[in-house]
Amino acid sequence: MLKKRLIPCLDINQGRVVKGTKFLNLRDAGDPIALAKFYDAEGADELCFLDITASHEKRRTIIELVEKVANEVFIPFTVGGGINSVEEMNDILKAGADKITINTASVKNPNLITEGARRFGSQCIVLAIDAKRKSNEKNWEVVTHGGREKTGLNVVEWAKKGEALGAGEILLTSMDADGTKTGFDVALTKAVSSAINIPVIASGGAGELKHFATVLTEGGAEAALVASLFHFKETSILEVKDFLKTQRIPVRIKI
């Protein structure tokens, strides 16, 4: 059985790690280089770096910072934010990233998923989907530009299309749950994971140890992306993994 992954997320704004609630009210969470080094040593399975204002500000990801972070980690490193072309993907990979995640640009140009997969392999392309629940129904809409713009796209259908176009993973963030610590949106995660055959990384809402177990089992996620819970030392990667072991959920333990 494949081991479940824990992935700390560095949301970057103006060169610093930040974290908010429902994509708003950002507060400083530390230096990205120091945090990257800490998470690598602590036993994170992967690391994610998201330049969260790049698309909104219509600029490229901060490549120099990506390179500095990459020099500190020896685990798979995913980078996203403001990536609009295969050439920009190549630049990010040259800077030290192992995977590319695309969100806003893929909605504007779905062929970018295919172009990236053909050039670098599907395992390198992570389709990030920010989801916002419509009313109280089990129906979610894709939002872009850091949650600022609605697209009219149905999340499950977009995930299925992303897989067909060549994405190797889906990074699924619940905008409604983000930063709330009330738990992952398990219904959302399950709706997507049961509709596709590629791994789903659940993001948004982690607040207690049991939340991880629920989304990795009932939600069908292969990994959990975490930010504030780790950044502000409310729990640790080791503590979460020890708990998951007690629930008989397979995880990688750093030796």
Protein backbone atom coordinates (compact mmCIF):
# COMPACT_ATOMS: atom_id res chain seq x y z
CA MET A 1 0.00 0.00 0.00
CA LEU A 2 1.31 3.45 -0.90
CA LYS A 3 2.24 5.58 2.07
CA LYS A 4 0.22 8.72 2.72
CA ARG A 5 2.11 12.01 2.52
CA LEU A 6 2.27 15.13 4.68
CA ILE A 7 3.22 18.26 2.75
CA PRO A 8 3.92 21.59 4.48
CA CYS A 9 2.96 24.53 2.29
CA LEU A 10 4.88 27.78 2.09
CA ASP A 11 2.45 30.46 0.92
CA ILE A 12 4.73 33.28 -0.19
CA ASN A 13 3.90 36.98 -0.25
CA GLN A 14 6.65 39.58 -0.74
CA GLY A 15 9.32 37.03 0.11
CA ARG A 16 7.79 35.87 3.40
CA VAL A 17 5.66 32.90 4.39
CA VAL A 18 2.12 34.02 5.22
CA LYS A 19 -1.13 32.38 6.26
CA GLY A 20 -4.68 33.63 6.36
CA THR A 21 -8.25 32.40 6.61
CA LYS A 22 -10.26 31.76 3.46
CA PHE A 23 -7.41 33.42 1.52
CA LEU A 24 -7.79 36.69 3.51
CA ASN A 25 -6.27 38.40 6.57
CA LEU A 26 -2.74 37.21 5.91
CA ARG A 27 -0.28 37.15 8.79
CA ASP A 28 3.44 36.56 8.77
CA ALA A 29 4.54 32.98 9.44
CA GLY A 30 8.29 33.20 8.99
CA ASP A 31 11.26 33.00 6.67
CA PRO A 32 10.75 30.52 3.81
CA ILE A 33 14.35 29.33 3.74
CA ALA A 34 14.47 28.62 7.48
CA LEU A 35 11.08 26.89 7.41
CA ALA A 36 12.03 24.77 4.40
CA LYS A 37 15.17 23.58 6.15
CA PHE A 38 13.21 22.82 9.33
CA TYR A 39 10.52 20.80 7.54
CA ASP A 40 13.07 18.81 5.59
CA ALA A 41 14.83 17.85 8.82
CA GLU A 42 11.54 17.10 10.61
CA GLY A 43 10.45 14.46 8.11
CA ALA A 44 8.09 16.15 5.67
CA ASP A 45 7.40 13.94 2.65
CA GLU A 46 7.39 16.86 0.25
CA LEU A 47 7.39 20.66 0.32
CA CYS A 48 5.12 23.03 -1.58
CA PHE A 49 5.99 26.66 -2.41
CA LEU A 50 3.13 28.84 -3.67
CA ASP A 51 3.70 32.45 -4.69
CA ILE A 52 0.10 33.35 -3.84
CA THR A 53 -0.05 36.84 -5.34
CA ALA A 54 1.89 36.24 -8.56
CA SER A 55 -1.16 35.64 -10.77
CA HIS A 56 -3.15 38.48 -9.26
CA GLU A 57 -0.20 40.84 -9.66
CA LYS A 58 0.48 39.48 -13.16
CA ARG A 59 4.11 38.68 -12.49
CA ARG A 60 6.34 35.63 -12.49
CA THR A 61 7.22 33.48 -9.50
CA ILE A 62 10.23 34.71 -7.53
CA ILE A 63 12.80 32.37 -9.04
CA GLU A 64 15.69 33.55 -6.88
CA LEU A 65 13.79 32.60 -3.73
CA VAL A 66 12.81 29.24 -5.23
CA GLU A 67 16.48 28.50 -5.83
CA LYS A 68 17.44 29.40 -2.26
CA VAL A 69 14.70 27.19 -0.82
CA ALA A 70 15.60 24.32 -3.16
CA ASN A 71 19.16 24.40 -1.88
CA GLU A 72 17.91 23.62 1.62
CA VAL A 73 15.69 20.61 0.92
CA PHE A 74 16.26 17.04 -0.19
CA ILE A 75 12.63 16.03 -0.57
CA PRO A 76 10.32 16.53 -3.58
CA PHE A 77 9.74 20.25 -4.02
CA THR A 78 6.67 21.64 -5.81
CA VAL A 79 6.46 25.27 -6.94
CA GLY A 80 3.53 27.30 -8.24
CA GLY A 81 2.27 30.83 -8.75
CA GLY A 82 2.24 32.96 -11.89
CA ILE A 83 3.53 30.18 -14.17
CA ASN A 84 2.06 30.80 -17.62
CA SER A 85 4.22 28.89 -20.10
CA VAL A 86 6.35 25.79 -20.61
CA GLU A 87 9.40 28.06 -20.71
CA GLU A 88 8.57 29.40 -17.24
CA MET A 89 8.07 25.83 -16.01
CA ASN A 90 11.52 25.01 -17.33
CA ASP A 91 13.03 27.98 -15.50
CA ILE A 92 11.43 26.88 -12.21
CA LEU A 93 12.66 23.32 -12.65
CA LYS A 94 16.15 24.57 -13.41
CA ALA A 95 16.00 26.57 -10.17
CA GLY A 96 15.56 23.31 -8.26
CA ALA A 97 11.87 22.40 -8.25
CA ASP A 98 10.81 18.80 -8.87
CA LYS A 99 7.20 19.54 -9.77
CA ILE A 100 5.20 22.45 -11.14
CA THR A 101 1.74 23.37 -9.96
CA ILE A 102 -0.51 25.48 -12.16
CA ASN A 103 -3.87 26.98 -11.32
CA THR A 104 -5.08 30.24 -12.88
CA ALA A 105 -3.04 29.80 -16.06
CA SER A 106 -4.48 26.33 -16.70
CA VAL A 107 -8.04 27.65 -16.55
CA LYS A 108 -7.17 30.30 -19.12
CA ASN A 109 -5.22 27.84 -21.25
CA PRO A 110 -5.99 24.17 -20.51
CA ASN A 111 -3.51 23.06 -23.17
CA LEU A 112 -0.76 24.27 -20.83
CA ILE A 113 -1.35 21.09 -18.79
CA THR A 114 -0.77 18.93 -21.86
CA GLU A 115 2.22 20.94 -23.03
CA GLY A 116 3.86 20.66 -19.62
CA ALA A 117 3.14 16.93 -19.33
CA ARG A 118 4.58 16.23 -22.79
CA ARG A 119 7.73 18.21 -22.05
CA PHE A 120 8.43 17.14 -18.48
CA GLY A 121 6.16 14.13 -17.81
CA SER A 122 2.78 13.93 -16.07
CA GLN A 123 4.48 13.23 -12.73
CA CYS A 124 5.84 16.78 -12.89
CA ILE A 125 2.51 18.57 -13.44
CA VAL A 126 0.23 19.23 -10.47
CA LEU A 127 -3.11 20.84 -11.26
CA ALA A 128 -4.07 23.12 -8.37
CA ILE A 129 -7.80 23.65 -7.93
CA ASP A 130 -9.21 26.22 -5.51
CA ALA A 131 -12.79 25.23 -4.76
CA LYS A 132 -15.64 27.27 -3.32
CA ARG A 133 -18.90 25.62 -2.31
CA LYS A 134 -22.02 26.88 -4.08
CA SER A 135 -24.80 27.47 -1.54
CA ASN A 136 -25.03 24.44 0.74
CA GLU A 137 -25.19 21.93 -2.06
CA LYS A 138 -22.55 19.34 -2.83
CA ASN A 139 -21.43 21.46 -5.72
CA TRP A 140 -18.20 23.40 -5.89
CA GLU A 141 -16.97 26.08 -8.29
CA VAL A 142 -13.38 26.62 -9.39
CA VAL A 143 -12.05 30.04 -8.36
CA THR A 144 -8.78 31.63 -9.52
CA HIS A 145 -6.46 34.57 -8.80
CA GLY A 146 -6.18 33.61 -5.13
CA GLY A 147 -9.94 33.12 -4.82
CA ARG A 148 -10.74 36.52 -6.29
CA GLU A 149 -12.40 35.40 -9.52
CA LYS A 150 -15.18 32.91 -10.21
CA THR A 151 -14.85 30.73 -13.31
CA GLY A 152 -18.19 28.96 -13.63
CA LEU A 153 -16.30 25.65 -13.81
CA ASN A 154 -17.50 22.68 -11.79
CA VAL A 155 -14.65 21.39 -9.63
CA VAL A 156 -15.20 17.67 -10.25
CA GLU A 157 -15.54 18.11 -14.00
CA TRP A 158 -12.43 20.31 -14.11
CA ALA A 159 -10.44 17.71 -12.17
CA LYS A 160 -11.53 15.02 -14.64
CA LYS A 161 -10.54 17.22 -17.55
CA GLY A 162 -7.20 18.01 -15.92
CA GLU A 163 -6.45 14.31 -15.61
CA ALA A 164 -7.39 13.73 -19.26
CA LEU A 165 -5.11 16.59 -20.32
CA GLY A 166 -2.13 15.04 -18.56
CA ALA A 167 -1.96 16.26 -14.95
CA GLY A 168 -0.28 13.78 -12.61
CA GLU A 169 -1.84 15.02 -9.37
CA ILE A 170 -4.56 17.33 -8.15
CA LEU A 171 -3.86 19.84 -5.37
CA LEU A 172 -7.37 20.48 -4.07
CA THR A 173 -7.91 23.44 -1.75
CA SER A 174 -11.22 24.21 -0.08
CA MET A 175 -11.47 27.99 0.06
CA ASP A 176 -14.32 27.63 2.57
CA ALA A 177 -12.21 25.57 4.98
CA ASP A 178 -8.86 27.29 4.41
CA GLY A 179 -7.33 28.44 7.70
CA THR A 180 -10.46 27.66 9.73
CA LYS A 181 -9.00 24.60 11.50
CA THR A 182 -12.47 23.02 11.46
CA GLY A 183 -11.39 20.11 9.29
CA PHE A 184 -10.80 19.37 5.63
CA ASP A 185 -13.81 19.44 3.31
CA VAL A 186 -14.12 15.66 3.19
CA ALA A 187 -17.16 15.71 0.91
CA LEU A 188 -15.27 17.82 -1.63
CA THR A 189 -12.18 15.63 -1.41
CA LYS A 190 -14.19 12.43 -1.80
CA ALA A 191 -16.16 13.84 -4.74
CA VAL A 192 -12.94 14.55 -6.60
CA SER A 193 -10.88 11.52 -5.54
CA SER A 194 -13.66 9.11 -6.50
CA ALA A 195 -14.01 10.69 -9.94
CA ILE A 196 -10.37 10.44 -11.05
CA ASN A 197 -7.48 7.97 -11.01
CA ILE A 198 -4.62 10.29 -10.09
CA PRO A 199 -3.65 11.27 -6.52
CA VAL A 200 -5.51 14.04 -4.73
CA ILE A 201 -3.69 16.27 -2.25
CA ALA A 202 -6.23 17.67 0.23
CA SER A 203 -5.71 21.24 1.43
CA GLY A 204 -7.55 23.62 3.72
CA GLY A 205 -8.94 23.18 7.23
CA ALA A 206 -6.53 21.01 9.23
CA GLY A 207 -6.97 21.70 12.92
CA GLU A 208 -6.83 18.39 14.81
CA LEU A 209 -5.07 15.07 14.41
CA LYS A 210 -8.31 13.29 13.58
CA HIS A 211 -8.84 15.60 10.60
CA PHE A 212 -5.86 14.03 8.86
CA ALA A 213 -7.11 10.49 9.36
CA THR A 214 -10.57 11.38 8.11
CA VAL A 215 -9.48 13.05 4.87
CA LEU A 216 -6.89 10.35 4.11
CA THR A 217 -9.44 7.56 4.57
CA GLU A 218 -13.01 8.76 4.05
CA GLY A 219 -11.91 11.52 1.69
CA GLY A 220 -9.69 9.25 -0.37
CA ALA A 221 -6.79 11.73 -0.39
CA GLU A 222 -3.27 10.45 -0.95
CA ALA A 223 -1.71 13.41 0.83
CA ALA A 224 -2.55 16.33 3.10
CA LEU A 225 -1.20 19.83 2.58
CA VAL A 226 -0.76 21.82 5.79
CA ALA A 227 0.25 25.38 6.58
CA SER A 228 -0.68 27.24 9.78
CA LEU A 229 -0.93 24.15 11.99
CA PHE A 230 2.75 23.45 11.32
CA HIS A 231 4.00 27.02 10.89
CA PHE A 232 2.74 28.14 14.28
CA LYS A 233 3.88 24.93 16.03
CA GLU A 234 0.40 23.79 17.03
CA THR A 235 1.45 20.28 16.13
CA SER A 236 4.35 18.66 14.33
CA ILE A 237 4.87 16.37 11.37
CA LEU A 238 6.12 13.65 13.70
CA GLU A 239 3.08 13.97 15.98
CA VAL A 240 0.70 13.68 13.03
CA LYS A 241 2.52 10.68 11.63
CA ASP A 242 2.60 8.93 14.99
CA PHE A 243 -1.15 9.44 15.26
CA LEU A 244 -1.76 8.14 11.74
CA LYS A 245 0.23 5.03 12.60
CA THR A 246 -2.13 4.36 15.50
CA GLN A 247 -4.99 4.54 12.99
CA ARG A 248 -3.18 2.00 10.78
CA ILE A 249 -2.67 4.56 8.05
CA PRO A 250 0.69 3.94 6.33
CA VAL A 251 3.17 6.81 6.52
CA ARG A 252 6.90 7.22 5.95
CA ILE A 253 8.92 7.62 9.14
CA LYS A 254 12.24 9.43 8.81
CA ILE A 255 15.15 7.44 10.18
